[in-house]
Protein backbone atom coordinates (compact mmCIF):
# COMPACT_ATOMS: atom_id res chain seq x y z
CA MET A 1 -46.86 -5.44 -31.70
CA SER A 2 -49.36 -2.39 -32.21
CA ALA A 3 -47.77 0.82 -29.96
CA ALA A 4 -52.34 0.60 -28.08
CA TYR A 5 -50.82 -2.69 -26.90
CA ALA A 6 -47.41 -2.20 -26.05
CA TYR A 7 -45.54 -1.80 -22.60
CA PRO A 8 -46.17 1.35 -21.05
CA LYS A 9 -42.79 3.11 -21.32
CA SER A 10 -41.36 3.56 -17.81
CA ARG A 11 -38.48 2.53 -15.15
CA PHE A 12 -39.87 -0.90 -15.35
CA GLU A 13 -39.68 -3.69 -17.22
CA PRO A 14 -42.25 -6.43 -17.92
CA ALA A 15 -40.86 -9.76 -16.60
CA GLY A 16 -40.14 -12.65 -19.21
CA LEU A 17 -41.55 -15.51 -19.28
CA VAL A 18 -40.21 -18.68 -17.09
CA ASP A 19 -38.73 -21.52 -20.07
CA LEU A 20 -39.55 -24.29 -17.87
CA ASN A 21 -38.20 -26.78 -20.90
CA ALA A 22 -34.86 -24.71 -19.95
CA LYS A 23 -32.61 -27.22 -17.06
CA SER A 24 -30.80 -24.56 -15.80
CA GLU A 25 -34.76 -22.46 -15.11
CA ARG A 26 -35.81 -26.12 -13.46
CA GLU A 27 -33.02 -26.19 -11.15
CA ARG A 28 -33.34 -22.75 -10.12
CA LEU A 29 -37.04 -22.83 -9.15
CA SER A 30 -37.21 -26.99 -7.84
CA SER A 31 -36.14 -26.44 -4.47
CA SER A 32 -37.42 -23.89 -3.39
CA ALA A 33 -40.97 -24.44 -5.74
CA LEU A 34 -41.17 -28.20 -3.13
CA LYS A 35 -40.35 -26.28 -0.55
CA GLY A 36 -43.13 -23.69 -1.12
CA PHE A 37 -45.27 -26.99 -1.97
CA PHE A 38 -44.11 -28.49 1.15
CA ARG A 39 -44.88 -25.60 4.08
CA LEU A 40 -48.99 -24.60 1.88
CA VAL A 41 -50.05 -29.03 2.19
CA GLU A 42 -49.42 -28.23 5.88
CA ALA A 43 -51.03 -24.95 5.78
CA TRP A 44 -54.48 -26.33 4.07
CA LYS A 45 -53.76 -29.91 6.19
CA ILE A 46 -53.85 -32.54 3.89
CA ARG A 47 -52.88 -35.93 3.91
CA ASP A 48 -49.84 -36.80 2.29
CA GLU A 49 -51.30 -39.87 0.55
CA ASP A 50 -53.66 -36.35 -1.01
CA ALA A 51 -50.54 -34.81 -2.17
CA ARG A 52 -48.92 -37.52 -3.30
CA GLU A 53 -51.56 -36.95 -5.54
CA LEU A 54 -51.43 -33.52 -6.43
CA LEU A 55 -48.07 -33.65 -6.92
CA GLY A 56 -49.10 -36.01 -10.09
CA GLY A 57 -49.37 -40.05 -8.20
CA LEU A 58 -46.09 -39.42 -6.40
CA SER A 59 -44.11 -43.03 -4.77
CA SER A 60 -44.62 -42.41 -0.72
CA SER A 61 -41.07 -43.32 -0.67
CA ALA A 62 -39.96 -40.49 -3.15
CA PHE A 63 -42.32 -38.28 -1.01
CA TYR A 64 -40.78 -38.43 2.03
CA GLU A 65 -37.51 -38.65 0.18
CA TRP A 66 -37.82 -34.98 -1.30
CA LYS A 67 -40.04 -33.71 1.70
CA LYS A 68 -36.46 -34.72 3.95
CA ASN A 69 -34.60 -33.19 1.12
CA PRO A 70 -35.93 -30.68 -2.02
CA ALA A 71 -32.91 -30.15 -3.19
CA ARG A 72 -33.84 -31.82 -6.68
CA VAL A 73 -34.84 -30.35 -10.23
CA LEU A 74 -38.36 -31.56 -11.12
CA GLU A 75 -39.77 -32.17 -14.24
CA VAL A 76 -41.92 -29.05 -16.42
CA ASP A 77 -45.79 -30.82 -15.05
CA ARG A 78 -44.85 -30.96 -10.71
CA ILE A 79 -43.05 -27.39 -10.74
CA THR A 80 -47.11 -25.82 -12.97
CA ARG A 81 -48.67 -28.06 -10.85
CA ILE A 82 -47.16 -26.71 -7.62
CA SER A 83 -47.18 -23.39 -9.38
CA TYR A 84 -50.83 -23.30 -9.93
CA LEU A 85 -50.68 -24.56 -6.61
CA ILE A 86 -48.95 -21.17 -5.26
CA GLY A 87 -51.20 -19.18 -7.23
CA ILE A 88 -54.19 -20.64 -5.61
CA TYR A 89 -53.24 -20.71 -1.69
CA LYS A 90 -52.15 -16.41 -2.71
CA ALA A 91 -55.94 -16.76 -4.00
CA LEU A 92 -57.44 -18.09 -0.67
CA HIS A 93 -55.32 -15.92 1.60
CA ILE A 94 -56.61 -12.59 -0.54
CA LEU A 95 -59.70 -13.23 -1.10
CA TYR A 96 -60.74 -15.04 2.71
CA GLY A 97 -59.58 -14.65 6.37
CA ASP A 98 -56.35 -16.85 7.02
CA LYS A 99 -58.56 -19.80 8.41
CA LEU A 100 -61.50 -19.97 6.04
CA ALA A 101 -58.32 -20.04 3.33
CA ASP A 102 -56.58 -22.44 4.50
CA GLU A 103 -59.64 -24.72 5.67
CA TRP A 104 -61.89 -23.64 1.52
CA VAL A 105 -60.15 -27.00 0.02
CA SER A 106 -61.59 -29.06 1.86
CA LEU A 107 -64.10 -27.67 2.34
CA THR A 108 -67.22 -29.02 0.11
CA ASN A 109 -68.07 -26.11 -2.56
CA LYS A 110 -71.67 -25.81 -4.45
CA ASN A 111 -70.22 -24.19 -7.26
CA VAL A 112 -71.06 -26.19 -10.65
CA ILE A 113 -67.50 -26.01 -10.60
CA PHE A 114 -66.74 -29.28 -8.30
CA SER A 115 -70.59 -30.58 -7.93
CA GLY A 116 -70.65 -31.10 -4.47
CA GLN A 117 -66.92 -32.38 -3.78
CA THR A 118 -64.24 -30.71 -2.25
CA PRO A 119 -61.80 -28.57 -4.43
CA LEU A 120 -59.08 -30.65 -3.36
CA ALA A 121 -61.44 -34.07 -4.42
CA PHE A 122 -62.11 -31.77 -7.34
CA MET A 123 -57.79 -31.15 -8.20
CA GLN A 124 -57.37 -35.10 -7.37
CA ALA A 125 -59.64 -36.37 -9.80
CA GLY A 126 -59.12 -33.69 -12.84
CA GLY A 127 -54.84 -32.85 -12.34
CA LEU A 128 -52.77 -30.23 -13.72
CA LEU A 129 -56.28 -29.31 -16.04
CA ALA A 130 -58.31 -29.06 -12.84
CA MET A 131 -56.05 -26.90 -11.09
CA GLN A 132 -55.97 -24.49 -13.69
CA THR A 133 -59.37 -24.34 -13.27
CA VAL A 134 -59.40 -23.35 -10.15
CA ARG A 135 -56.97 -20.69 -10.74
CA LYS A 136 -59.09 -18.97 -12.88
CA LEU A 137 -61.29 -19.40 -10.61
CA LEU A 138 -60.03 -17.85 -8.44
CA ASP A 139 -58.04 -15.26 -10.24
CA ALA A 140 -61.72 -14.60 -12.29
CA ARG A 141 -63.46 -13.43 -8.47
CA ARG A 142 -60.32 -11.28 -7.21
CA GLY A 143 -60.80 -9.65 -9.93
CA GLY A 144 -64.39 -8.53 -9.48
CA LEU A 145 -65.64 -11.40 -12.04
């Protein structure tokens, strides 16, 4: 790697990437991820049916079991989905006041990306790639792009 692109010398080291294919990493992250997801769903006032779709089409019995007991190991796909949603939550709270930030996903949006639907409907229909798109959109707005 060229010195121009190297991490600058300091007492801090860059964080390494988390290997979600490693079961030990998923074990470490899963319970916290689920707890965060359920808090996010509550803050956004998302119906349980919609929350299950955001998790990739989880059955209602599994959803309520996970809500009651989040101590489990999630698959890579579900941890990634939750990661995008938490990033979206964080970006919204940086960009807007708490009230608008928590309502934003349920408001119809005129941005061409959403085609007049709500960001929630867009993410449900488009799954992981739609969540990534929303996250990138909000991160770009945060960065002033």
